[in-house]
Protein backbone atom coordinates (compact mmCIF):
# COMPACT_ATOMS: atom_id res chain seq x y z
CA MET A 1 1.62 -11.77 20.66
CA ASN A 2 1.72 -10.15 24.07
CA GLU A 3 -0.85 -7.35 24.47
CA ASN A 4 1.85 -5.05 25.83
CA ASN A 5 3.95 -5.58 22.71
CA ARG A 6 1.24 -4.67 20.26
CA GLN A 7 1.84 -1.42 18.47
CA ARG A 8 -0.73 1.12 19.51
CA ARG A 9 -2.64 2.92 16.81
CA PRO A 10 -1.62 6.61 16.70
CA ALA A 11 -4.11 9.06 18.21
CA PHE A 12 -6.39 10.66 15.65
CA ASP A 13 -5.30 14.20 14.73
CA ARG A 14 -8.47 16.28 14.34
CA GLU A 15 -6.69 19.21 12.71
CA GLN A 16 -5.10 16.92 10.17
CA GLY A 17 -8.56 15.48 9.53
CA ILE A 18 -9.85 18.97 8.73
CA ALA A 19 -6.98 19.46 6.27
CA ILE A 20 -7.83 16.16 4.59
CA ALA A 21 -11.49 17.11 4.37
CA GLN A 22 -10.64 20.55 3.03
CA ALA A 23 -8.75 19.02 0.13
CA LEU A 24 -11.56 16.58 -0.65
CA PHE A 25 -14.26 19.25 -0.50
CA HIS A 26 -12.19 21.61 -2.62
CA GLN A 27 -11.43 19.04 -5.28
CA HIS A 28 -14.87 17.41 -5.54
CA GLY A 29 -17.38 19.80 -3.96
CA PHE A 30 -19.42 19.28 -0.80
CA ASP A 31 -22.21 17.22 -2.39
CA ALA A 32 -19.88 14.76 -4.12
CA VAL A 33 -17.90 13.89 -0.98
CA SER A 34 -19.53 11.11 1.03
CA LEU A 35 -19.09 10.19 4.67
CA SER A 36 -17.24 7.04 3.60
CA ASP A 37 -14.89 9.15 1.46
CA LEU A 38 -14.04 11.21 4.52
CA THR A 39 -13.64 8.35 6.98
CA ASN A 40 -11.56 6.30 4.52
CA ALA A 41 -9.28 9.24 3.83
CA MET A 42 -8.88 9.89 7.58
CA ASN A 43 -8.61 6.16 8.40
CA ILE A 44 -11.29 6.36 11.11
CA LYS A 45 -14.70 4.80 11.72
CA PRO A 46 -18.00 6.74 11.50
CA PRO A 47 -18.48 6.88 15.31
CA SER A 48 -15.06 8.51 15.66
CA PHE A 49 -15.93 10.92 12.86
CA TYR A 50 -19.15 12.04 14.55
CA ALA A 51 -17.39 12.36 17.90
CA ALA A 52 -14.69 14.56 16.36
CA TYR A 53 -16.75 16.75 14.03
CA GLY A 54 -20.46 16.34 14.73
CA SER A 55 -21.54 16.10 11.10
CA LYS A 56 -20.30 16.39 7.54
CA ALA A 57 -21.73 19.93 7.31
CA GLU A 58 -19.99 21.01 10.52
CA LEU A 59 -16.72 19.62 9.20
CA PHE A 60 -17.29 21.51 5.96
CA GLU A 61 -17.64 24.75 7.89
CA ARG A 62 -14.39 24.09 9.72
CA ALA A 63 -12.69 23.26 6.42
CA MET A 64 -13.94 26.52 4.89
CA ARG A 65 -12.68 28.50 7.88
CA ARG A 66 -9.31 26.82 7.54
CA TYR A 67 -9.29 27.65 3.84
CA ALA A 68 -10.16 31.28 4.59
CA GLY A 69 -7.33 31.51 7.08
CA GLU A 70 -4.82 30.10 4.59
CA SER A 71 -6.00 31.36 1.22
CA ALA A 72 -8.16 34.42 1.80
CA LEU A 73 -7.56 37.37 -0.50
CA ARG A 74 -6.12 40.20 1.58
CA LEU A 75 -8.74 42.87 1.04
CA ASP A 76 -7.04 45.27 3.43
CA ARG A 77 -4.02 45.31 1.11
CA LEU A 78 -5.79 44.98 -2.23
CA LEU A 79 -8.30 47.71 -1.42
CA ALA A 80 -5.85 49.91 0.44
CA PRO A 81 -7.06 53.52 0.94
CA ASP A 82 -3.97 55.00 -0.73
CA ARG A 83 -4.36 52.91 -3.87
CA PRO A 84 -6.26 54.25 -6.92
CA PRO A 85 -9.67 52.50 -6.96
CA ALA A 86 -9.40 51.22 -10.53
CA GLN A 87 -5.99 49.74 -9.77
CA ALA A 88 -7.21 48.26 -6.49
CA LEU A 89 -10.26 46.52 -7.97
CA THR A 90 -8.28 45.23 -10.94
CA ALA A 91 -5.66 43.86 -8.55
CA LEU A 92 -8.43 42.12 -6.60
CA LEU A 93 -9.71 40.35 -9.70
CA ILE A 94 -6.24 39.40 -10.94
CA SER A 95 -5.28 38.08 -7.49
CA ALA A 96 -8.44 35.97 -7.43
CA ALA A 97 -7.79 34.64 -10.95
CA THR A 98 -4.22 33.78 -10.01
CA GLN A 99 -5.26 31.97 -6.86
CA TYR A 100 -8.21 30.12 -8.39
CA GLY A 101 -6.07 28.71 -11.19
CA ARG A 102 -2.86 28.04 -9.26
CA ASP A 103 -3.37 24.40 -8.32
CA LYS A 104 -4.01 21.58 -10.79
CA THR A 105 -6.67 19.89 -8.65
CA LEU A 106 -7.81 22.39 -6.01
CA ARG A 107 -9.44 24.82 -8.41
CA GLY A 108 -11.58 27.87 -7.79
CA CYS A 109 -12.65 29.17 -4.39
CA LEU A 110 -13.80 26.59 -1.85
CA ILE A 111 -16.25 29.02 -0.22
CA THR A 112 -17.65 30.37 -3.48
CA GLU A 113 -18.24 26.86 -4.77
CA GLY A 114 -19.77 25.94 -1.42
CA MET A 115 -22.47 28.51 -2.14
CA ARG A 116 -23.58 26.26 -5.02
CA ALA A 117 -24.02 23.17 -2.82
CA ASP A 118 -27.33 21.33 -3.05
CA ASP A 119 -27.30 20.79 0.70
CA PRO A 120 -29.02 23.87 2.21
CA ILE A 121 -27.07 23.74 5.49
CA ALA A 122 -23.71 23.67 3.72
CA ARG A 123 -24.84 26.34 1.28
CA ASN A 124 -25.97 28.65 4.08
CA MET A 125 -22.67 28.15 5.91
CA ALA A 126 -20.74 29.16 2.79
CA GLU A 127 -22.98 32.17 2.19
CA THR A 128 -22.50 33.34 5.76
CA LEU A 129 -18.72 33.06 5.51
CA GLY A 130 -18.66 34.83 2.17
CA ASP A 131 -20.94 37.66 3.23
CA ALA A 132 -18.23 39.58 5.10
CA ALA A 133 -16.11 39.89 1.95
CA ILE A 134 -19.11 40.95 -0.11
CA GLN A 135 -19.98 43.65 2.40
CA THR A 136 -16.37 44.82 2.49
CA ILE A 137 -16.26 45.27 -1.28
CA ARG A 138 -19.60 47.10 -1.20
CA GLY A 139 -18.40 49.34 1.64
CA TYR A 140 -15.28 50.20 -0.32
CA LEU A 141 -17.32 51.09 -3.41
CA ASP A 142 -19.71 53.19 -1.33
CA GLN A 143 -16.73 55.40 -0.60
CA VAL A 144 -14.99 55.51 -3.98
CA CYS A 145 -18.03 55.56 -6.28
CA PRO A 146 -21.28 55.92 -4.33
CA GLN A 147 -23.34 56.65 -7.46
CA ARG A 148 -22.63 53.19 -8.91
CA ALA A 149 -21.61 51.27 -5.80
CA GLN A 150 -24.30 48.58 -6.01
CA THR A 151 -23.86 47.92 -9.71
CA LEU A 152 -20.08 47.78 -9.43
CA ALA A 153 -20.29 45.53 -6.36
CA ASP A 154 -22.56 43.18 -8.31
CA TYR A 155 -20.17 43.26 -11.27
CA VAL A 156 -17.15 42.44 -9.10
CA LEU A 157 -19.04 39.65 -7.32
CA ILE A 158 -20.31 38.11 -10.56
CA THR A 159 -16.82 38.29 -12.04
CA LEU A 160 -15.26 36.62 -9.00
CA ARG A 161 -17.83 33.82 -9.05
CA GLY A 162 -17.42 33.40 -12.79
CA LEU A 163 -13.66 33.15 -12.43
CA SER A 164 -14.07 30.50 -9.74
CA ALA A 165 -16.50 28.49 -11.85
CA ALA A 166 -14.28 28.75 -14.93
CA ALA A 167 -11.26 27.61 -12.91
CA CYS A 168 -13.22 24.58 -11.71
CA SER A 169 -14.07 23.83 -15.33
CA GLY A 170 -10.38 23.76 -16.19
CA LEU A 171 -9.71 27.19 -17.70
CA SER A 172 -5.99 27.91 -17.48
CA ARG A 173 -4.61 30.44 -15.04
CA LYS A 174 -3.30 32.52 -17.95
CA ARG A 175 -6.77 32.82 -19.47
CA LEU A 176 -8.36 33.53 -16.09
CA ILE A 177 -5.92 36.40 -15.55
CA GLU A 178 -6.62 37.76 -19.02
CA VAL A 179 -10.36 37.80 -18.26
CA ALA A 180 -9.66 39.57 -14.96
CA GLN A 181 -7.63 42.19 -16.80
CA VAL A 182 -10.45 42.84 -19.26
CA ALA A 183 -12.92 43.15 -16.38
CA GLY A 184 -10.53 45.57 -14.70
CA LYS A 185 -10.55 47.79 -17.78
CA ALA A 186 -14.35 47.87 -17.73
CA ILE A 187 -14.31 48.88 -14.08
CA SER A 188 -11.76 51.60 -14.83
CA LEU A 189 -14.02 53.11 -17.48
CA GLU A 190 -17.01 53.01 -15.15
CA LEU A 191 -15.09 54.64 -12.31
CA ALA A 192 -13.75 57.33 -14.63
CA GLU A 193 -17.27 58.25 -15.72
CA TYR A 194 -18.53 58.59 -12.16
CA ALA A 195 -15.35 59.85 -10.51
CA PRO A 196 -16.16 62.02 -7.45
CA PRO A 197 -14.55 65.45 -7.01
CA GLN A 198 -10.96 65.38 -5.74
CA THR A 199 -10.63 65.66 -1.97
CA SER A 200 -7.73 65.88 0.40
CA GLU A 201 -9.52 63.72 2.97
CA PRO A 202 -8.11 60.16 2.90
CA LEU A 203 -10.36 57.18 2.31
CA SER A 204 -11.28 55.46 5.56
CA ALA A 205 -9.89 51.97 6.08
CA ALA A 206 -12.15 51.15 9.00
CA HIS A 207 -14.39 48.89 6.92
CA LEU A 208 -11.58 46.67 5.66
CA PRO A 209 -10.87 43.32 7.38
CA LYS A 210 -7.51 41.60 7.21
CA SER A 211 -8.60 38.91 4.79
CA PHE A 212 -11.10 37.88 2.18
CA ASP A 213 -13.74 36.05 3.83
CA SER A 214 -13.96 34.69 0.70
CA GLY A 215 -13.79 34.92 -1.04
CA ARG A 216 -12.20 34.68 -2.16
CA SER A 217 -12.76 34.66 -2.29
CA SER A 218 -15.59 33.79 -0.64
CA ALA A 219 -17.36 36.03 -3.00
């Protein structure tokens, strides 16, 4: 066959490679995905992989950032200043439960589960990405319930991570949402007990970013 007539192999699409990696990491977790899994799925050789992404951990970070851009919980909307705090925090948990249990294979929060990785580099990357959402939730609670802000922030974070883990274990979306609703009731009772005096000054929205993470929830 003439060299000029040979069909050229299509150029490798790096962004598509990140999407492929994101799905693999989300379905199996960072530690369970090998370099060969990634290169086989992308149909490239290891040298091309390293040239495109540097390392598996660096690709994981890019996949998490892509996930955050696509699937982040919108904290600016969920924790809107004009929304009653109990309603806002309950909506946050229900939104997370709904998202974590939506897909049959891509369960839980990619960033939250990345925080459980055995690999310290990957774990630190996930923790760094998730920290912004954690700080946003804490900043919101500092304003609406300063007396119990830390405890409530811990409760919300633990609930979010528990919902993610339960989703990964196969708990149905319906049951995840029911758990989120129960947690929301507990938060409502806590907020009612420590409700600050009524004020005409609106809650500041300066601390709220446009998206979770974080999330998902990177939290």
